[in-house]
Structures are given as C-alpha cells and as structure tokens.
C-alpha cells in the first residue's frame, strides 16, 4: 500500500462514543450516578458552534472598528449540548420537567453544581481533542 492510499477515508480511525457521570444528583436505583452518552464532535460542528458564539465588539478608541470575541460560556454550553447523546437535551418533555426552553438551559439545570459543570466541560473538551480547556485559555489571556 502506498503512502497516498493510507490517507483514504476508509483507512481513517473513527473515534468511539463514551460515557461520563455528569452529576451525582441524578442516580440509578442503587445510588450510582447516571452515565451520559457523549459523542465526538467534528471540526465542522465545532466551527459552527464557535461561529454562533462569536460576536463583533467595538475596538476602544477606534470608531467603526470591530474585533471578534467568543462568548466562552455560551460556546462551552453549546459544545457540551452538541456532544451529549443521552439524555436527549432537545427533548421537550425533559425540558418542560425542568421548566426550561433550550438544551443549554436544561444542561445547566441538570448539572447545577458549578464544580460538576466545570468538570463535565473539561471532560468534553478533552474528549474532543482540546489539550487545554477554554477556562485555561481565558486564564492565560488574563495574565
């Protein structure tokens, strides 16, 4: 097999779905945290999420000049929601049971402990190939 043929799509390794116990507050009958099914995102899916979470903000002191800014909280919530297969965060009945209208609101109601939410966000980011999390990048930018 030539090196060229190794690049063909049929030779590409597909990343498998995984599970993660997103919160200790949702448990099975034995008290074990429920496992959430997580899928890997594609680069295209990630780009669409990032684009949706990017806005132009004015450059201070320069009228009519703008720069792009990513709303990282919105981006992380949308990334998690796009990666979660089970539970179905788009399910109207599930959203109604928590009194919310969007998958992102539902996510934050279901995983309402800030530490658990942060751990879940870090897990999803790392599962999708981000070696440093968005929170790390924000902290790095502040320094």
C-alpha atoms as a PDB file:
ATOM      1  CA  UNK A   1       0.000   0.000   0.000  1.00  0.00           C
ATOM      2  CA  UNK A   2       1.443   3.357  -1.000  1.00  0.00           C
ATOM      3  CA  UNK A   3       1.572   6.202   1.472  1.00  0.00           C
ATOM      4  CA  UNK A   4      -1.119   8.004  -0.524  1.00  0.00           C
ATOM      5  CA  UNK A   5      -3.647   5.191  -0.016  1.00  0.00           C
ATOM      6  CA  UNK A   6      -3.181   5.383   3.745  1.00  0.00           C
ATOM      7  CA  UNK A   7      -4.861   8.791   3.645  1.00  0.00           C
ATOM      8  CA  UNK A   8      -8.076   7.435   2.136  1.00  0.00           C
ATOM      9  CA  UNK A   9     -11.205   7.773   4.219  1.00  0.00           C
ATOM     10  CA  UNK A  10     -11.705   4.023   4.603  1.00  0.00           C
ATOM     11  CA  UNK A  11      -8.382   3.905   6.493  1.00  0.00           C
ATOM     12  CA  UNK A  12      -9.349   6.629   8.939  1.00  0.00           C
ATOM     13  CA  UNK A  13      -9.857   5.502  12.535  1.00  0.00           C
ATOM     14  CA  UNK A  14     -13.254   6.532  13.868  1.00  0.00           C
ATOM     15  CA  UNK A  15     -13.459   7.768  17.453  1.00  0.00           C
ATOM     16  CA  UNK A  16     -15.998   5.867  19.556  1.00  0.00           C
ATOM     17  CA  UNK A  17     -18.658   7.391  21.798  1.00  0.00           C
ATOM     18  CA  UNK A  18     -18.027   7.381  25.533  1.00  0.00           C
ATOM     19  CA  UNK A  19     -19.925   7.842  28.781  1.00  0.00           C
ATOM     20  CA  UNK A  20     -19.489  10.217  31.694  1.00  0.00           C
ATOM     21  CA  UNK A  21     -21.264  10.637  35.071  1.00  0.00           C
ATOM     22  CA  UNK A  22     -22.055  14.344  34.656  1.00  0.00           C
ATOM     23  CA  UNK A  23     -23.687  14.812  38.072  1.00  0.00           C
ATOM     24  CA  UNK A  24     -24.068  12.949  41.345  1.00  0.00           C
ATOM     25  CA  UNK A  25     -27.591  14.319  41.788  1.00  0.00           C
ATOM     26  CA  UNK A  26     -29.123  12.035  39.130  1.00  0.00           C
ATOM     27  CA  UNK A  27     -28.740   8.399  40.157  1.00  0.00           C
ATOM     28  CA  UNK A  28     -29.985   4.912  39.385  1.00  0.00           C
ATOM     29  CA  UNK A  29     -31.852   2.714  41.887  1.00  0.00           C
ATOM     30  CA  UNK A  30     -28.545   1.736  43.551  1.00  0.00           C
ATOM     31  CA  UNK A  31     -27.442   5.344  44.040  1.00  0.00           C
ATOM     32  CA  UNK A  32     -24.846   5.290  41.259  1.00  0.00           C
ATOM     33  CA  UNK A  33     -24.624   8.443  39.100  1.00  0.00           C
ATOM     34  CA  UNK A  34     -26.324   8.065  35.728  1.00  0.00           C
ATOM     35  CA  UNK A  35     -23.925   7.842  32.801  1.00  0.00           C
ATOM     36  CA  UNK A  36     -24.389  10.346  29.999  1.00  0.00           C
ATOM     37  CA  UNK A  37     -23.507   9.238  26.446  1.00  0.00           C
ATOM     38  CA  UNK A  38     -21.059  11.569  24.716  1.00  0.00           C
ATOM     39  CA  UNK A  39     -20.118  11.618  21.032  1.00  0.00           C
ATOM     40  CA  UNK A  40     -17.040  13.184  19.471  1.00  0.00           C
ATOM     41  CA  UNK A  41     -17.693  16.393  17.557  1.00  0.00           C
ATOM     42  CA  UNK A  42     -16.396  17.029  14.076  1.00  0.00           C
ATOM     43  CA  UNK A  43     -14.302  20.037  13.184  1.00  0.00           C
ATOM     44  CA  UNK A  44     -17.231  21.356  11.146  1.00  0.00           C
ATOM     45  CA  UNK A  45     -19.619  21.036  14.087  1.00  0.00           C
ATOM     46  CA  UNK A  46     -17.129  22.810  16.337  1.00  0.00           C
ATOM     47  CA  UNK A  47     -16.603  25.604  13.792  1.00  0.00           C
ATOM     48  CA  UNK A  48     -20.370  26.156  13.518  1.00  0.00           C
ATOM     49  CA  UNK A  49     -20.698  26.338  17.308  1.00  0.00           C
ATOM     50  CA  UNK A  50     -17.767  28.754  17.578  1.00  0.00           C
ATOM     51  CA  UNK A  51     -19.189  30.938  14.794  1.00  0.00           C
ATOM     52  CA  UNK A  52     -22.572  31.008  16.549  1.00  0.00           C
ATOM     53  CA  UNK A  53     -20.866  32.158  19.754  1.00  0.00           C
ATOM     54  CA  UNK A  54     -18.679  34.839  18.150  1.00  0.00           C
ATOM     55  CA  UNK A  55     -19.729  38.460  18.067  1.00  0.00           C
ATOM     56  CA  UNK A  56     -18.085  41.633  16.849  1.00  0.00           C
ATOM     57  CA  UNK A  57     -17.229  44.076  19.625  1.00  0.00           C
ATOM     58  CA  UNK A  58     -16.083  47.668  19.136  1.00  0.00           C
ATOM     59  CA  UNK A  59     -12.374  48.401  19.458  1.00  0.00           C
ATOM     60  CA  UNK A  60     -11.906  51.000  22.201  1.00  0.00           C
ATOM     61  CA  UNK A  61     -10.734  54.331  20.833  1.00  0.00           C
ATOM     62  CA  UNK A  62     -11.226  53.333  17.205  1.00  0.00           C
ATOM     63  CA  UNK A  63     -14.645  54.286  15.861  1.00  0.00           C
ATOM     64  CA  UNK A  64     -16.225  51.896  13.346  1.00  0.00           C
ATOM     65  CA  UNK A  65     -13.610  49.205  14.086  1.00  0.00           C
ATOM     66  CA  UNK A  66     -14.623  45.862  15.487  1.00  0.00           C
ATOM     67  CA  UNK A  67     -12.882  42.674  16.587  1.00  0.00           C
ATOM     68  CA  UNK A  68     -14.325  39.191  17.010  1.00  0.00           C
ATOM     69  CA  UNK A  69     -14.925  37.922  20.536  1.00  0.00           C
ATOM     70  CA  UNK A  70     -16.034  34.417  21.509  1.00  0.00           C
ATOM     71  CA  UNK A  71     -18.556  34.139  24.336  1.00  0.00           C
ATOM     72  CA  UNK A  72     -16.765  31.233  26.029  1.00  0.00           C
ATOM     73  CA  UNK A  73     -19.580  30.341  28.439  1.00  0.00           C
ATOM     74  CA  UNK A  74     -22.053  30.080  25.575  1.00  0.00           C
ATOM     75  CA  UNK A  75     -19.523  28.192  23.441  1.00  0.00           C
ATOM     76  CA  UNK A  76     -18.798  25.596  26.134  1.00  0.00           C
ATOM     77  CA  UNK A  77     -22.502  25.056  26.878  1.00  0.00           C
ATOM     78  CA  UNK A  78     -23.297  24.611  23.169  1.00  0.00           C
ATOM     79  CA  UNK A  79     -20.320  22.274  22.712  1.00  0.00           C
ATOM     80  CA  UNK A  80     -21.463  20.088  25.592  1.00  0.00           C
ATOM     81  CA  UNK A  81     -25.050  20.032  24.297  1.00  0.00           C
ATOM     82  CA  UNK A  82     -23.869  19.079  20.798  1.00  0.00           C
ATOM     83  CA  UNK A  83     -21.764  16.242  22.228  1.00  0.00           C
ATOM     84  CA  UNK A  84     -24.396  14.792  24.584  1.00  0.00           C
ATOM     85  CA  UNK A  85     -26.408  11.981  23.005  1.00  0.00           C
ATOM     86  CA  UNK A  86     -28.169  10.689  26.116  1.00  0.00           C
ATOM     87  CA  UNK A  87     -30.066  12.228  27.797  1.00  0.00           C
ATOM     88  CA  UNK A  88     -31.600  13.972  24.806  1.00  0.00           C
ATOM     89  CA  UNK A  89     -31.238  17.613  25.838  1.00  0.00           C
ATOM     90  CA  UNK A  90     -33.578  18.629  22.994  1.00  0.00           C
ATOM     91  CA  UNK A  91     -36.466  16.552  24.394  1.00  0.00           C
ATOM     92  CA  UNK A  92     -39.410  18.864  25.089  1.00  0.00           C
ATOM     93  CA  UNK A  93     -40.767  16.694  27.894  1.00  0.00           C
ATOM     94  CA  UNK A  94     -37.391  16.725  29.670  1.00  0.00           C
ATOM     95  CA  UNK A  95     -37.062  20.486  29.167  1.00  0.00           C
ATOM     96  CA  UNK A  96     -40.601  21.010  30.474  1.00  0.00           C
ATOM     97  CA  UNK A  97     -39.849  18.948  33.591  1.00  0.00           C
ATOM     98  CA  UNK A  98     -37.084  21.455  34.451  1.00  0.00           C
ATOM     99  CA  UNK A  99     -39.063  24.489  33.265  1.00  0.00           C
ATOM    100  CA  UNK A 100     -36.607  25.492  30.534  1.00  0.00           C
ATOM    101  CA  UNK A 101     -36.782  26.050  26.782  1.00  0.00           C
ATOM    102  CA  UNK A 102     -33.295  25.327  25.400  1.00  0.00           C
ATOM    103  CA  UNK A 103     -30.766  22.488  25.632  1.00  0.00           C
ATOM    104  CA  UNK A 104     -28.212  24.844  27.203  1.00  0.00           C
ATOM    105  CA  UNK A 105     -30.643  25.903  29.945  1.00  0.00           C
ATOM    106  CA  UNK A 106     -31.555  22.255  30.540  1.00  0.00           C
ATOM    107  CA  UNK A 107     -27.895  21.279  30.831  1.00  0.00           C
ATOM    108  CA  UNK A 108     -27.305  23.922  33.490  1.00  0.00           C
ATOM    109  CA  UNK A 109     -30.411  22.847  35.415  1.00  0.00           C
ATOM    110  CA  UNK A 110     -29.482  19.167  35.321  1.00  0.00           C
ATOM    111  CA  UNK A 111     -25.818  19.782  36.196  1.00  0.00           C
ATOM    112  CA  UNK A 112     -26.419  22.651  38.598  1.00  0.00           C
ATOM    113  CA  UNK A 113     -23.328  22.165  40.764  1.00  0.00           C
ATOM    114  CA  UNK A 114     -20.663  24.570  39.407  1.00  0.00           C
ATOM    115  CA  UNK A 115     -17.820  22.154  40.172  1.00  0.00           C
ATOM    116  CA  UNK A 116     -19.545  19.258  38.409  1.00  0.00           C
ATOM    117  CA  UNK A 117     -20.359  21.505  35.443  1.00  0.00           C
ATOM    118  CA  UNK A 118     -16.720  22.601  35.199  1.00  0.00           C
ATOM    119  CA  UNK A 119     -15.501  19.010  35.400  1.00  0.00           C
ATOM    120  CA  UNK A 120     -18.008  17.969  32.727  1.00  0.00           C
ATOM    121  CA  UNK A 121     -16.949  20.852  30.468  1.00  0.00           C
ATOM    122  CA  UNK A 122     -13.283  19.876  30.885  1.00  0.00           C
ATOM    123  CA  UNK A 123     -14.090  16.239  30.092  1.00  0.00           C
ATOM    124  CA  UNK A 124     -16.000  17.105  26.898  1.00  0.00           C
ATOM    125  CA  UNK A 125     -13.252  19.456  25.734  1.00  0.00           C
ATOM    126  CA  UNK A 126     -10.521  16.896  26.353  1.00  0.00           C
ATOM    127  CA  UNK A 127     -12.586  14.123  24.735  1.00  0.00           C
ATOM    128  CA  UNK A 128     -12.809  16.323  21.646  1.00  0.00           C
ATOM    129  CA  UNK A 129      -9.065  16.816  21.453  1.00  0.00           C
ATOM    130  CA  UNK A 130      -8.577  20.115  23.242  1.00  0.00           C
ATOM    131  CA  UNK A 131      -5.470  19.640  25.369  1.00  0.00           C
ATOM    132  CA  UNK A 132      -6.024  22.882  27.236  1.00  0.00           C
ATOM    133  CA  UNK A 133      -9.536  23.857  28.213  1.00  0.00           C
ATOM    134  CA  UNK A 134     -11.218  27.145  27.349  1.00  0.00           C
ATOM    135  CA  UNK A 135     -11.018  28.098  31.027  1.00  0.00           C
ATOM    136  CA  UNK A 136      -7.221  27.599  30.887  1.00  0.00           C
ATOM    137  CA  UNK A 137      -7.026  29.779  27.781  1.00  0.00           C
ATOM    138  CA  UNK A 138      -9.101  32.518  29.430  1.00  0.00           C
ATOM    139  CA  UNK A 139      -6.843  32.474  32.495  1.00  0.00           C
ATOM    140  CA  UNK A 140      -3.756  32.529  30.281  1.00  0.00           C
ATOM    141  CA  UNK A 141      -5.113  35.517  28.352  1.00  0.00           C
ATOM    142  CA  UNK A 142      -5.768  37.412  31.590  1.00  0.00           C
ATOM    143  CA  UNK A 143      -2.126  37.073  32.705  1.00  0.00           C
END
